[in-house]
Amino acid sequence: MAVKIRLMRVGKKKQPSYRVVVTDSRSPRDGRFIEVIGQYAPRAEPSVVSIDSDRALHWLKVGAQPTEQAGKLLEIAGVWAAYKADVGKDAVVKPKVKVKAKTEKPAPPVAEAPAAEAPAVEAESEPEAAAEEAPAAVDAPAEAPAPDEPAAEEASE
């Protein structure tokens, strides 16, 4: 079950306020939730953000993934900094939404082409070495155990 920390809209028409909830990612936006951990009132002057930091920190440690907006609210409340300090800076990546542009073309195939041509140039200059390497490459897959054979037999040989 994928657990998310996200916003649940409450309030009257044209006067939104939100609850910060922990919920199953498959449930609808305003549907079932596991726990309410905070509130967000964007129309108040200044905006009101109140989050139970202990519970939010618990859910983050358990593996709940915040949505982009919930992640911003966690930063404002100071929970995200506490989580980074607790878990470690290298292990934590702030959630971001990736936006793909339709006009961009991927550049990695161009970068891979020179690397693939380099072994071919070496093979032409040393035909004997290439001839010795080719049968070894063909034999290696033939010696590999079939998926049906257990790994224990391979270890005993």
C-alpha atoms as a PDB file:
ATOM      1  CA  MET A   1       0.000   0.000   0.000  1.00  0.00           C
ATOM      2  CA  ALA A   2       1.447   3.369  -1.058  1.00  0.00           C
ATOM      3  CA  VAL A   3       0.859   5.983   1.626  1.00  0.00           C
ATOM      4  CA  LYS A   4       0.743   9.670   0.723  1.00  0.00           C
ATOM      5  CA  ILE A   5       0.667  12.888   2.688  1.00  0.00           C
ATOM      6  CA  ARG A   6      -1.616  15.217   0.777  1.00  0.00           C
ATOM      7  CA  LEU A   7      -4.253  17.926   1.036  1.00  0.00           C
ATOM      8  CA  MET A   8      -7.977  17.287   1.434  1.00  0.00           C
ATOM      9  CA  ARG A   9     -10.237  20.188   0.459  1.00  0.00           C
ATOM     10  CA  VAL A  10     -12.852  21.325   2.966  1.00  0.00           C
ATOM     11  CA  GLY A  11     -14.803  24.563   3.354  1.00  0.00           C
ATOM     12  CA  LYS A  12     -17.511  26.365   1.455  1.00  0.00           C
ATOM     13  CA  LYS A  13     -17.678  27.120  -2.218  1.00  0.00           C
ATOM     14  CA  LYS A  14     -15.020  29.699  -3.212  1.00  0.00           C
ATOM     15  CA  GLN A  15     -13.646  29.663   0.358  1.00  0.00           C
ATOM     16  CA  PRO A  16     -11.279  26.692   0.420  1.00  0.00           C
ATOM     17  CA  SER A  17      -9.359  25.423   3.375  1.00  0.00           C
ATOM     18  CA  TYR A  18      -7.473  22.161   3.489  1.00  0.00           C
ATOM     19  CA  ARG A  19      -6.635  19.373   5.876  1.00  0.00           C
ATOM     20  CA  VAL A  20      -3.221  17.762   5.635  1.00  0.00           C
ATOM     21  CA  VAL A  21      -3.986  14.041   5.722  1.00  0.00           C
ATOM     22  CA  VAL A  22      -2.180  10.732   5.505  1.00  0.00           C
ATOM     23  CA  THR A  23      -4.018   8.510   3.050  1.00  0.00           C
ATOM     24  CA  ASP A  24      -3.741   5.572   0.695  1.00  0.00           C
ATOM     25  CA  SER A  25      -2.654   6.868  -2.707  1.00  0.00           C
ATOM     26  CA  ARG A  26      -5.529   5.036  -4.407  1.00  0.00           C
ATOM     27  CA  SER A  27      -8.268   6.812  -2.442  1.00  0.00           C
ATOM     28  CA  PRO A  28      -9.926   9.940  -3.889  1.00  0.00           C
ATOM     29  CA  ARG A  29      -8.760  13.439  -2.929  1.00  0.00           C
ATOM     30  CA  ASP A  30     -11.591  14.106  -0.484  1.00  0.00           C
ATOM     31  CA  GLY A  31     -12.242  10.458   0.347  1.00  0.00           C
ATOM     32  CA  ARG A  32     -10.988   8.071   3.000  1.00  0.00           C
ATOM     33  CA  PHE A  33      -7.903   8.934   4.992  1.00  0.00           C
ATOM     34  CA  ILE A  34      -5.795   7.289   7.660  1.00  0.00           C
ATOM     35  CA  GLU A  35      -5.048  10.293   9.863  1.00  0.00           C
ATOM     36  CA  VAL A  36      -5.411  14.092   9.868  1.00  0.00           C
ATOM     37  CA  ILE A  37      -2.058  15.642  10.736  1.00  0.00           C
ATOM     38  CA  GLY A  38      -2.699  19.331  10.080  1.00  0.00           C
ATOM     39  CA  GLN A  39      -4.605  22.206   8.515  1.00  0.00           C
ATOM     40  CA  TYR A  40      -3.906  24.814   5.844  1.00  0.00           C
ATOM     41  CA  ALA A  41      -5.974  27.970   5.346  1.00  0.00           C
ATOM     42  CA  PRO A  42      -4.661  29.847   2.286  1.00  0.00           C
ATOM     43  CA  ARG A  43      -7.295  32.613   2.362  1.00  0.00           C
ATOM     44  CA  ALA A  44      -6.460  33.806   5.872  1.00  0.00           C
ATOM     45  CA  GLU A  45      -4.160  36.794   6.086  1.00  0.00           C
ATOM     46  CA  PRO A  46      -1.403  35.583   6.583  1.00  0.00           C
ATOM     47  CA  SER A  47      -1.927  31.961   5.515  1.00  0.00           C
ATOM     48  CA  VAL A  48      -2.349  29.523   8.390  1.00  0.00           C
ATOM     49  CA  VAL A  49      -0.286  26.328   8.374  1.00  0.00           C
ATOM     50  CA  SER A  50      -0.551  24.105  11.433  1.00  0.00           C
ATOM     51  CA  ILE A  51       0.899  20.594  11.279  1.00  0.00           C
ATOM     52  CA  ASP A  52       1.417  18.071  14.088  1.00  0.00           C
ATOM     53  CA  SER A  53       5.155  17.692  13.595  1.00  0.00           C
ATOM     54  CA  ASP A  54       5.496  14.501  15.661  1.00  0.00           C
ATOM     55  CA  ARG A  55       2.899  12.619  13.632  1.00  0.00           C
ATOM     56  CA  ALA A  56       4.132  14.014  10.313  1.00  0.00           C
ATOM     57  CA  LEU A  57       7.688  12.994  11.174  1.00  0.00           C
ATOM     58  CA  HIS A  58       6.458   9.521  12.138  1.00  0.00           C
ATOM     59  CA  TRP A  59       4.659   9.056   8.818  1.00  0.00           C
ATOM     60  CA  LEU A  60       7.656  10.295   6.830  1.00  0.00           C
ATOM     61  CA  LYS A  61       9.922   7.812   8.632  1.00  0.00           C
ATOM     62  CA  VAL A  62       7.476   5.005   7.930  1.00  0.00           C
ATOM     63  CA  GLY A  63       7.673   5.825   4.212  1.00  0.00           C
ATOM     64  CA  ALA A  64       4.778   8.150   3.409  1.00  0.00           C
ATOM     65  CA  GLN A  65       5.505  10.282   0.346  1.00  0.00           C
ATOM     66  CA  PRO A  66       4.305  13.907   0.420  1.00  0.00           C
ATOM     67  CA  THR A  67       2.765  15.480  -2.654  1.00  0.00           C
ATOM     68  CA  GLU A  68       4.400  18.618  -4.024  1.00  0.00           C
ATOM     69  CA  GLN A  69       2.095  21.038  -2.158  1.00  0.00           C
ATOM     70  CA  ALA A  70       2.181  18.990   1.044  1.00  0.00           C
ATOM     71  CA  GLY A  71       5.982  18.959   0.814  1.00  0.00           C
ATOM     72  CA  LYS A  72       6.010  22.762   0.679  1.00  0.00           C
ATOM     73  CA  LEU A  73       3.776  22.936   3.743  1.00  0.00           C
ATOM     74  CA  LEU A  74       6.027  20.486   5.583  1.00  0.00           C
ATOM     75  CA  GLU A  75       8.973  22.773   4.802  1.00  0.00           C
ATOM     76  CA  ILE A  76       7.105  25.818   6.109  1.00  0.00           C
ATOM     77  CA  ALA A  77       6.214  23.986   9.327  1.00  0.00           C
ATOM     78  CA  GLY A  78       9.826  22.830   9.758  1.00  0.00           C
ATOM     79  CA  VAL A  79       9.001  19.126   9.638  1.00  0.00           C
ATOM     80  CA  TRP A  80      10.981  18.501   6.453  1.00  0.00           C
ATOM     81  CA  ALA A  81      14.187  19.923   7.972  1.00  0.00           C
ATOM     82  CA  ALA A  82      13.715  17.746  11.063  1.00  0.00           C
ATOM     83  CA  TYR A  83      13.195  14.698   8.838  1.00  0.00           C
ATOM     84  CA  LYS A  84      16.358  15.451   6.844  1.00  0.00           C
ATOM     85  CA  ALA A  85      18.352  15.888  10.044  1.00  0.00           C
ATOM     86  CA  ASP A  86      16.980  12.642  11.474  1.00  0.00           C
ATOM     87  CA  VAL A  87      17.424  10.427   8.410  1.00  0.00           C
ATOM     88  CA  GLY A  88      20.458  12.049   6.812  1.00  0.00           C
ATOM     89  CA  LYS A  89      20.896  14.583   4.062  1.00  0.00           C
ATOM     90  CA  ASP A  90      22.070  12.131   1.388  1.00  0.00           C
ATOM     91  CA  ALA A  91      19.172   9.720   1.883  1.00  0.00           C
ATOM     92  CA  VAL A  92      16.437  12.302   1.468  1.00  0.00           C
ATOM     93  CA  VAL A  93      15.319  13.817  -1.808  1.00  0.00           C
ATOM     94  CA  LYS A  94      12.672  16.501  -1.812  1.00  0.00           C
ATOM     95  CA  PRO A  95       9.683  15.397  -3.903  1.00  0.00           C
ATOM     96  CA  LYS A  96       9.438  17.214  -7.217  1.00  0.00           C
ATOM     97  CA  VAL A  97       7.195  16.865 -10.201  1.00  0.00           C
ATOM     98  CA  LYS A  98       9.040  16.186 -13.431  1.00  0.00           C
ATOM     99  CA  VAL A  99       7.803  18.192 -16.385  1.00  0.00           C
ATOM    100  CA  LYS A 100       8.677  16.876 -19.823  1.00  0.00           C
ATOM    101  CA  ALA A 101       8.780  19.241 -22.758  1.00  0.00           C
ATOM    102  CA  LYS A 102       7.382  17.835 -25.991  1.00  0.00           C
ATOM    103  CA  THR A 103       9.876  19.631 -28.242  1.00  0.00           C
ATOM    104  CA  GLU A 104      13.028  18.332 -26.555  1.00  0.00           C
ATOM    105  CA  LYS A 105      14.725  15.289 -28.015  1.00  0.00           C
ATOM    106  CA  PRO A 106      16.808  13.011 -25.789  1.00  0.00           C
ATOM    107  CA  ALA A 107      20.572  13.502 -26.198  1.00  0.00           C
ATOM    108  CA  PRO A 108      21.827  10.232 -24.578  1.00  0.00           C
ATOM    109  CA  PRO A 109      21.753   8.122 -27.804  1.00  0.00           C
ATOM    110  CA  VAL A 110      24.285  10.539 -29.373  1.00  0.00           C
ATOM    111  CA  ALA A 111      26.546  10.240 -26.323  1.00  0.00           C
ATOM    112  CA  GLU A 112      26.384   6.429 -26.362  1.00  0.00           C
ATOM    113  CA  ALA A 113      27.362   6.093 -30.031  1.00  0.00           C
ATOM    114  CA  PRO A 114      31.079   7.012 -29.619  1.00  0.00           C
ATOM    115  CA  ALA A 115      31.438   4.622 -26.688  1.00  0.00           C
ATOM    116  CA  ALA A 116      30.019   1.771 -28.785  1.00  0.00           C
ATOM    117  CA  GLU A 117      32.383   2.535 -31.699  1.00  0.00           C
ATOM    118  CA  ALA A 118      35.554   2.504 -29.568  1.00  0.00           C
ATOM    119  CA  PRO A 119      35.677  -1.317 -29.086  1.00  0.00           C
ATOM    120  CA  ALA A 120      35.082  -1.802 -32.827  1.00  0.00           C
ATOM    121  CA  VAL A 121      38.199   0.276 -33.630  1.00  0.00           C
ATOM    122  CA  GLU A 122      40.302  -1.826 -31.253  1.00  0.00           C
ATOM    123  CA  ALA A 123      38.973  -5.040 -32.780  1.00  0.00           C
ATOM    124  CA  GLU A 124      40.068  -3.960 -36.276  1.00  0.00           C
ATOM    125  CA  SER A 125      43.613  -3.136 -35.141  1.00  0.00           C
ATOM    126  CA  GLU A 126      44.081  -6.437 -33.284  1.00  0.00           C
ATOM    127  CA  PRO A 127      42.361  -9.227 -35.240  1.00  0.00           C
ATOM    128  CA  GLU A 128      43.919 -12.032 -33.142  1.00  0.00           C
ATOM    129  CA  ALA A 129      42.731 -10.558 -29.850  1.00  0.00           C
ATOM    130  CA  ALA A 130      39.243 -10.025 -31.276  1.00  0.00           C
ATOM    131  CA  ALA A 131      39.124 -13.622 -32.501  1.00  0.00           C
ATOM    132  CA  GLU A 132      40.043 -14.901 -29.035  1.00  0.00           C
ATOM    133  CA  GLU A 133      37.512 -12.662 -27.293  1.00  0.00           C
ATOM    134  CA  ALA A 134      34.608 -13.524 -29.572  1.00  0.00           C
ATOM    135  CA  PRO A 135      34.441 -17.274 -28.715  1.00  0.00           C
ATOM    136  CA  ALA A 136      34.707 -16.445 -25.009  1.00  0.00           C
ATOM    137  CA  ALA A 137      31.711 -14.140 -25.328  1.00  0.00           C
ATOM    138  CA  VAL A 138      29.743 -16.872 -27.143  1.00  0.00           C
ATOM    139  CA  ASP A 139      30.698 -19.536 -24.592  1.00  0.00           C
ATOM    140  CA  ALA A 140      29.778 -17.418 -21.584  1.00  0.00           C
ATOM    141  CA  PRO A 141      25.998 -17.451 -22.205  1.00  0.00           C
ATOM    142  CA  ALA A 142      26.104 -21.179 -23.020  1.00  0.00           C
ATOM    143  CA  GLU A 143      27.757 -21.892 -19.643  1.00  0.00           C
ATOM    144  CA  ALA A 144      25.242 -19.793 -17.759  1.00  0.00           C
ATOM    145  CA  PRO A 145      22.762 -21.994 -15.848  1.00  0.00           C
ATOM    146  CA  ALA A 146      19.245 -22.250 -17.155  1.00  0.00           C
ATOM    147  CA  PRO A 147      16.582 -20.606 -14.985  1.00  0.00           C
ATOM    148  CA  ASP A 148      15.166 -24.057 -14.152  1.00  0.00           C
ATOM    149  CA  GLU A 149      18.423 -25.243 -12.510  1.00  0.00           C
ATOM    150  CA  PRO A 150      18.766 -24.432  -8.804  1.00  0.00           C
ATOM    151  CA  ALA A 151      21.637 -22.219  -7.664  1.00  0.00           C
ATOM    152  CA  ALA A 152      22.824 -24.877  -5.168  1.00  0.00           C
ATOM    153  CA  GLU A 153      24.127 -27.132  -7.978  1.00  0.00           C
ATOM    154  CA  GLU A 154      26.105 -24.234  -9.415  1.00  0.00           C
ATOM    155  CA  ALA A 155      27.735 -23.493  -6.043  1.00  0.00           C
ATOM    156  CA  SER A 156      28.825 -27.145  -5.556  1.00  0.00           C
ATOM    157  CA  GLU A 157      30.718 -27.227  -8.886  1.00  0.00           C
END
